[in-house]
Protein backbone atom coordinates (compact mmCIF):
# COMPACT_ATOMS: atom_id res chain seq x y z
CA UNK A 1 -21.98 -2.06 11.74
CA UNK A 2 -21.45 -4.15 14.87
CA UNK A 3 -17.79 -3.07 14.98
CA UNK A 4 -18.73 0.61 14.64
CA UNK A 5 -21.40 0.39 17.33
CA UNK A 6 -18.99 -1.34 19.72
CA UNK A 7 -16.27 1.25 19.11
CA UNK A 8 -18.76 4.07 19.69
CA UNK A 9 -19.82 2.52 23.00
CA UNK A 10 -16.19 2.18 24.12
CA UNK A 11 -15.37 5.80 23.32
CA UNK A 12 -18.66 7.11 24.65
CA UNK A 13 -18.37 5.36 28.00
CA UNK A 14 -14.67 6.06 28.55
CA UNK A 15 -14.67 9.69 27.49
CA UNK A 16 -18.16 10.36 28.83
CA UNK A 17 -17.27 8.91 32.20
CA UNK A 18 -14.07 10.96 32.31
CA UNK A 19 -15.93 14.19 31.56
CA UNK A 20 -18.67 13.32 34.07
CA UNK A 21 -16.00 13.01 36.76
CA UNK A 22 -14.90 16.56 36.01
CA UNK A 23 -12.02 15.80 33.68
CA UNK A 24 -11.06 18.15 30.87
CA UNK A 25 -11.36 16.34 27.56
CA UNK A 26 -8.69 18.42 25.80
CA UNK A 27 -6.05 17.20 28.26
CA UNK A 28 -6.33 13.81 26.53
CA UNK A 29 -5.46 15.32 23.18
CA UNK A 30 -1.81 14.34 22.96
CA UNK A 31 -1.19 13.65 19.27
CA UNK A 32 2.48 12.81 19.63
CA UNK A 33 1.73 10.17 22.26
CA UNK A 34 -0.65 8.66 19.72
CA UNK A 35 2.02 8.80 17.01
CA UNK A 36 4.57 7.05 19.26
CA UNK A 37 2.21 4.23 20.24
CA UNK A 38 0.48 3.62 16.93
CA UNK A 39 3.62 4.18 14.87
CA UNK A 40 5.60 1.70 16.94
CA UNK A 41 2.71 -0.79 16.82
CA UNK A 42 2.44 -0.45 13.03
CA UNK A 43 6.18 -0.90 12.66
CA UNK A 44 6.14 -4.02 14.84
CA UNK A 45 3.16 -5.33 12.86
CA UNK A 46 5.15 -4.96 9.63
CA UNK A 47 8.28 -6.54 11.11
CA UNK A 48 6.54 -9.57 12.60
CA UNK A 49 4.23 -10.59 9.73
CA UNK A 50 4.84 -11.89 6.20
CA UNK A 51 3.78 -9.86 3.19
CA UNK A 52 0.74 -12.08 2.58
CA UNK A 53 -0.66 -11.26 6.03
CA UNK A 54 0.02 -7.53 5.59
CA UNK A 55 -1.84 -7.49 2.26
CA UNK A 56 -4.88 -9.20 3.75
CA UNK A 57 -5.03 -7.21 7.01
CA UNK A 58 -6.98 -4.21 5.67
CA UNK A 59 -9.44 -6.35 3.71
CA UNK A 60 -9.94 -8.54 6.79
CA UNK A 61 -11.01 -5.54 8.90
CA UNK A 62 -13.28 -4.32 6.08
CA UNK A 63 -14.81 -7.79 5.94
CA UNK A 64 -15.37 -7.64 9.69
CA UNK A 65 -17.14 -4.30 9.31
CA UNK A 66 -19.77 -6.01 7.14
CA UNK A 67 -20.84 -8.17 10.07
CA UNK A 68 -21.36 -11.91 10.44
CA UNK A 69 -20.83 -13.65 7.09
CA UNK A 70 -23.32 -16.48 7.58
CA UNK A 71 -26.79 -16.66 9.09
CA UNK A 72 -29.67 -19.12 8.94
CA UNK A 73 -30.70 -17.89 5.50
CA UNK A 74 -27.18 -18.44 4.20
CA UNK A 75 -27.28 -22.05 5.33
CA UNK A 76 -30.76 -22.60 3.89
CA UNK A 77 -29.38 -21.42 0.56
CA UNK A 78 -26.33 -23.68 0.86
CA UNK A 79 -28.36 -26.75 1.81
CA UNK A 80 -30.78 -26.12 -1.05
CA UNK A 81 -27.86 -25.88 -3.48
CA UNK A 82 -26.36 -29.11 -2.18
CA UNK A 83 -29.72 -30.81 -2.57
CA UNK A 84 -30.03 -29.71 -6.20
CA UNK A 85 -26.50 -30.82 -7.06
CA UNK A 86 -26.86 -34.17 -5.33
CA UNK A 87 -30.21 -34.73 -6.99
CA UNK A 88 -28.67 -34.17 -10.42
CA UNK A 89 -25.83 -36.53 -9.54
CA UNK A 90 -28.20 -39.27 -8.38
CA UNK A 91 -30.73 -38.97 -11.21
CA UNK A 92 -28.52 -38.14 -14.19
CA UNK A 93 -25.08 -39.29 -13.08
CA UNK A 94 -22.12 -37.27 -11.87
CA UNK A 95 -21.01 -36.42 -15.40
CA UNK A 96 -24.18 -34.33 -15.74
CA UNK A 97 -22.68 -31.94 -13.18
CA UNK A 98 -19.64 -31.11 -15.31
CA UNK A 99 -21.39 -28.36 -17.24
CA UNK A 100 -22.25 -26.64 -13.95
CA UNK A 101 -18.81 -27.06 -12.43
CA UNK A 102 -16.74 -25.70 -15.31
CA UNK A 103 -18.24 -22.21 -15.08
CA UNK A 104 -20.49 -21.84 -12.03
CA UNK A 105 -21.35 -18.21 -12.84
CA UNK A 106 -23.08 -19.35 -16.02
CA UNK A 107 -24.64 -22.45 -14.46
CA UNK A 108 -28.42 -22.55 -14.37
CA UNK A 109 -28.10 -24.26 -10.98
CA UNK A 110 -25.66 -21.93 -9.25
CA UNK A 111 -27.40 -18.82 -10.54
CA UNK A 112 -30.34 -19.67 -8.28
CA UNK A 113 -28.10 -19.10 -5.25
CA UNK A 114 -26.48 -15.65 -5.67
CA UNK A 115 -25.10 -15.29 -2.14
CA UNK A 116 -23.24 -18.57 -2.41
CA UNK A 117 -22.05 -17.69 -5.90
CA UNK A 118 -20.57 -14.43 -4.56
CA UNK A 119 -18.39 -16.36 -2.09
CA UNK A 120 -15.39 -17.21 -4.27
CA UNK A 121 -13.68 -19.52 -1.81
CA UNK A 122 -16.86 -21.48 -1.07
CA UNK A 123 -17.56 -21.91 -4.79
CA UNK A 124 -14.03 -23.14 -5.43
CA UNK A 125 -14.16 -25.49 -2.44
CA UNK A 126 -17.43 -27.12 -3.47
CA UNK A 127 -16.75 -27.36 -7.19
CA UNK A 128 -13.28 -28.84 -6.63
CA UNK A 129 -14.65 -31.73 -4.60
CA UNK A 130 -17.63 -32.30 -6.86
CA UNK A 131 -15.17 -32.43 -9.75
CA UNK A 132 -13.25 -35.12 -7.89
CA UNK A 133 -16.49 -37.11 -7.62
CA UNK A 134 -17.04 -36.80 -11.37
CA UNK A 135 -13.54 -38.22 -11.86
CA UNK A 136 -14.43 -41.34 -9.91
CA UNK A 137 -13.49 -40.62 -6.27
CA UNK A 138 -15.61 -43.02 -4.25
CA UNK A 139 -13.75 -43.72 -0.99
CA UNK A 140 -15.39 -41.64 1.72
CA UNK A 141 -12.58 -41.89 4.28
CA UNK A 142 -9.95 -40.73 1.78
CA UNK A 143 -12.11 -37.82 0.63
CA UNK A 144 -12.81 -36.85 4.24
CA UNK A 145 -9.10 -36.82 5.08
CA UNK A 146 -8.39 -34.60 2.08
CA UNK A 147 -11.18 -32.16 2.95
CA UNK A 148 -10.04 -32.01 6.58
CA UNK A 149 -6.51 -31.20 5.43
CA UNK A 150 -7.72 -28.34 3.24
CA UNK A 151 -10.01 -26.93 5.93
CA UNK A 152 -7.21 -27.10 8.50
CA UNK A 153 -4.79 -25.34 6.13
CA UNK A 154 -7.31 -22.64 5.30
CA UNK A 155 -8.10 -22.13 8.98
CA UNK A 156 -4.40 -21.86 9.84
CA UNK A 157 -3.96 -19.16 7.17
CA UNK A 158 -6.90 -17.23 8.57
CA UNK A 159 -5.64 -17.50 12.14
CA UNK A 160 -2.39 -15.87 11.05
CA UNK A 161 -4.39 -12.68 10.53
CA UNK A 162 -6.27 -12.77 13.82
CA UNK A 163 -3.02 -13.73 15.59
CA UNK A 164 -1.24 -10.76 14.05
CA UNK A 165 -3.85 -8.36 15.43
CA UNK A 166 -3.77 -10.10 18.80
CA UNK A 167 0.01 -9.71 18.99
CA UNK A 168 -0.35 -6.00 18.24
CA UNK A 169 -3.01 -5.70 20.94
CA UNK A 170 -0.70 -7.43 23.44
CA UNK A 171 2.07 -4.95 22.62
CA UNK A 172 -0.04 -1.79 22.95
CA UNK A 173 0.07 -1.43 26.78
CA UNK A 174 3.87 -1.76 26.77
CA UNK A 175 4.14 0.80 23.97
CA UNK A 176 1.92 3.07 26.05
CA UNK A 177 4.48 2.81 28.82
CA UNK A 178 7.22 3.71 26.32
CA UNK A 179 5.30 6.86 25.40
CA UNK A 180 4.73 7.64 29.08
CA UNK A 181 8.43 7.24 29.90
CA UNK A 182 9.37 9.57 27.07
CA UNK A 183 6.86 12.05 28.49
CA UNK A 184 8.46 11.76 31.93
CA UNK A 185 11.89 12.35 30.40
CA UNK A 186 10.54 15.50 28.81
CA UNK A 187 9.02 16.53 32.15
CA UNK A 188 12.32 16.06 33.98
CA UNK A 189 13.88 18.55 31.59
CA UNK A 190 11.41 21.13 32.87
CA UNK A 191 11.79 20.32 36.59
CA UNK A 192 12.39 23.97 37.45
CA UNK A 193 9.02 25.03 36.03
CA UNK A 194 6.13 25.91 38.39
CA UNK A 195 3.78 23.14 39.62
CA UNK A 196 0.98 23.96 37.18
CA UNK A 197 3.35 23.48 34.22
CA UNK A 198 4.80 20.29 35.65
CA UNK A 199 1.29 18.98 36.33
CA UNK A 200 0.33 19.53 32.71
CA UNK A 201 3.46 17.75 31.47
CA UNK A 202 3.00 14.79 33.83
CA UNK A 203 -0.65 14.50 32.81
CA UNK A 204 0.39 14.44 29.15
CA UNK A 205 2.90 11.69 29.87
CA UNK A 206 0.29 9.56 31.63
CA UNK A 207 -1.99 9.84 28.60
CA UNK A 208 0.47 7.51 26.85
CA UNK A 209 -0.30 4.70 29.31
CA UNK A 210 -4.01 5.44 29.00
CA UNK A 211 -3.93 5.31 25.20
CA UNK A 212 -1.92 2.09 25.11
CA UNK A 213 -4.34 0.25 27.38
CA UNK A 214 -7.45 1.71 25.72
CA UNK A 215 -6.31 0.86 22.18
CA UNK A 216 -5.32 -2.65 23.24
CA UNK A 217 -8.38 -3.75 25.19
CA UNK A 218 -10.96 -1.43 23.66
CA UNK A 219 -10.16 -1.75 19.95
CA UNK A 220 -7.32 -3.95 18.64
CA UNK A 221 -7.99 -6.90 20.97
CA UNK A 222 -11.72 -6.97 20.13
CA UNK A 223 -10.88 -6.77 16.40
CA UNK A 224 -8.66 -9.83 16.80
CA UNK A 225 -11.44 -11.68 18.64
CA UNK A 226 -13.96 -10.64 15.99
CA UNK A 227 -11.71 -11.97 13.23
CA UNK A 228 -11.34 -15.29 15.05
CA UNK A 229 -15.11 -15.61 15.36
CA UNK A 230 -15.59 -14.71 11.69
CA UNK A 231 -13.03 -17.28 10.59
CA UNK A 232 -14.56 -19.94 12.82
CA UNK A 233 -17.91 -19.25 11.11
CA UNK A 234 -16.29 -19.65 7.68
CA UNK A 235 -14.74 -22.93 8.78
CA UNK A 236 -18.14 -24.18 9.94
CA UNK A 237 -19.57 -23.24 6.53
CA UNK A 238 -16.99 -25.46 4.85
CA UNK A 239 -17.63 -28.26 7.34
CA UNK A 240 -21.32 -28.16 6.44
CA UNK A 241 -20.40 -28.79 2.81
CA UNK A 242 -18.01 -31.52 3.88
CA UNK A 243 -20.70 -33.37 5.85
CA UNK A 244 -23.02 -33.34 2.84
CA UNK A 245 -20.31 -34.46 0.43
CA UNK A 246 -19.20 -37.36 2.61
CA UNK A 247 -22.79 -38.52 3.06
CA UNK A 248 -23.28 -38.40 -0.71
CA UNK A 249 -20.19 -40.52 -1.34
CA UNK A 250 -21.46 -43.01 1.21
CA UNK A 251 -24.56 -43.49 -0.93
CA UNK A 252 -27.27 -41.62 0.97
CA UNK A 253 -30.14 -39.90 -0.80
CA UNK A 254 -29.93 -36.12 -1.44
CA UNK A 255 -32.42 -35.40 1.37
CA UNK A 256 -30.37 -37.40 3.87
CA UNK A 257 -27.11 -35.79 2.68
CA UNK A 258 -28.59 -32.37 3.32
CA UNK A 259 -29.63 -33.48 6.80
CA UNK A 260 -26.03 -34.53 7.50
CA UNK A 261 -24.95 -31.01 6.54
CA UNK A 262 -27.65 -29.41 8.70
CA UNK A 263 -26.57 -31.36 11.76
CA UNK A 264 -23.04 -29.99 11.44
CA UNK A 265 -24.23 -26.44 12.16
CA UNK A 266 -24.26 -24.45 15.37
CA UNK A 267 -27.66 -24.10 17.00
CA UNK A 268 -27.92 -20.32 16.52
CA UNK A 269 -27.77 -20.62 12.71
CA UNK A 270 -29.10 -24.15 12.22
CA UNK A 271 -32.45 -24.21 10.38
CA UNK A 272 -34.99 -26.76 11.52
CA UNK A 273 -35.69 -29.96 9.61
CA UNK A 274 -38.97 -28.51 8.35
CA UNK A 275 -37.38 -25.21 7.31
CA UNK A 276 -34.87 -27.12 5.21
CA UNK A 277 -37.59 -29.31 3.78
CA UNK A 278 -39.60 -26.24 2.79
CA UNK A 279 -36.57 -24.51 1.26
CA UNK A 280 -35.58 -27.62 -0.68
CA UNK A 281 -39.09 -28.12 -2.02
CA UNK A 282 -39.06 -24.52 -3.28
CA UNK A 283 -35.90 -24.97 -5.34
CA UNK A 284 -36.28 -25.03 -9.12
CA UNK A 285 -36.28 -28.37 -10.90
CA UNK A 286 -32.80 -29.68 -11.60
CA UNK A 287 -31.72 -29.05 -15.17
């Protein structure tokens, strides 16, 4: 929704301002200029990116359309889940978690947290490291190094997508110039035509430059920035889990481990100590 609203504002202000100045909106309708710019950009996008990035590009934009992936409520749910899992581990031993880790969708613990359960990568991330703990991993610094390596790798993969869109945005103004030059070449072939015809042809050529700049800075560039922000939020989500896991390995109580995770969050989504305490106290008894 945020992406749609932003795009509507861009188009409304640009086109509305143009019309308010006395411009004729239909002069901007130059479909072949659009084909040249967007076709060349799409071709360059395909040439410069591996197949894995191309496959994920559409789903990434669709994900962005859904809005911010994590808010305060998401983190309250995550911290409550961590508390339940750590409580089971402390009171019944880590082997008691195995039944919940093998098939989280059927776990009586994970089923209490549907939003987390719907995040496949988060579920895999958490269950993998809890499984390592059940196997006897007890060195916090080694576990932290491993988690950091995975988070860094995951973040690098995500940034390939945002980087691909940013590269396309950077190319758009130059491709607009290409379209404009082709329009000028066409205009020079009609140099003997009267001024009103030449004016129309020159105006059509200049639309190419306009479209290239508008698509770059009004749409593709902001999409790239939005993807970066979304991926940074996902990385922070993983880092919250990491902080809790490392605290647990170091021997802290479940309540303290959750506090470690809470402190890793940005202020705009970080619940207060008392909000976490209330959410944790409302969780079902560990089974």
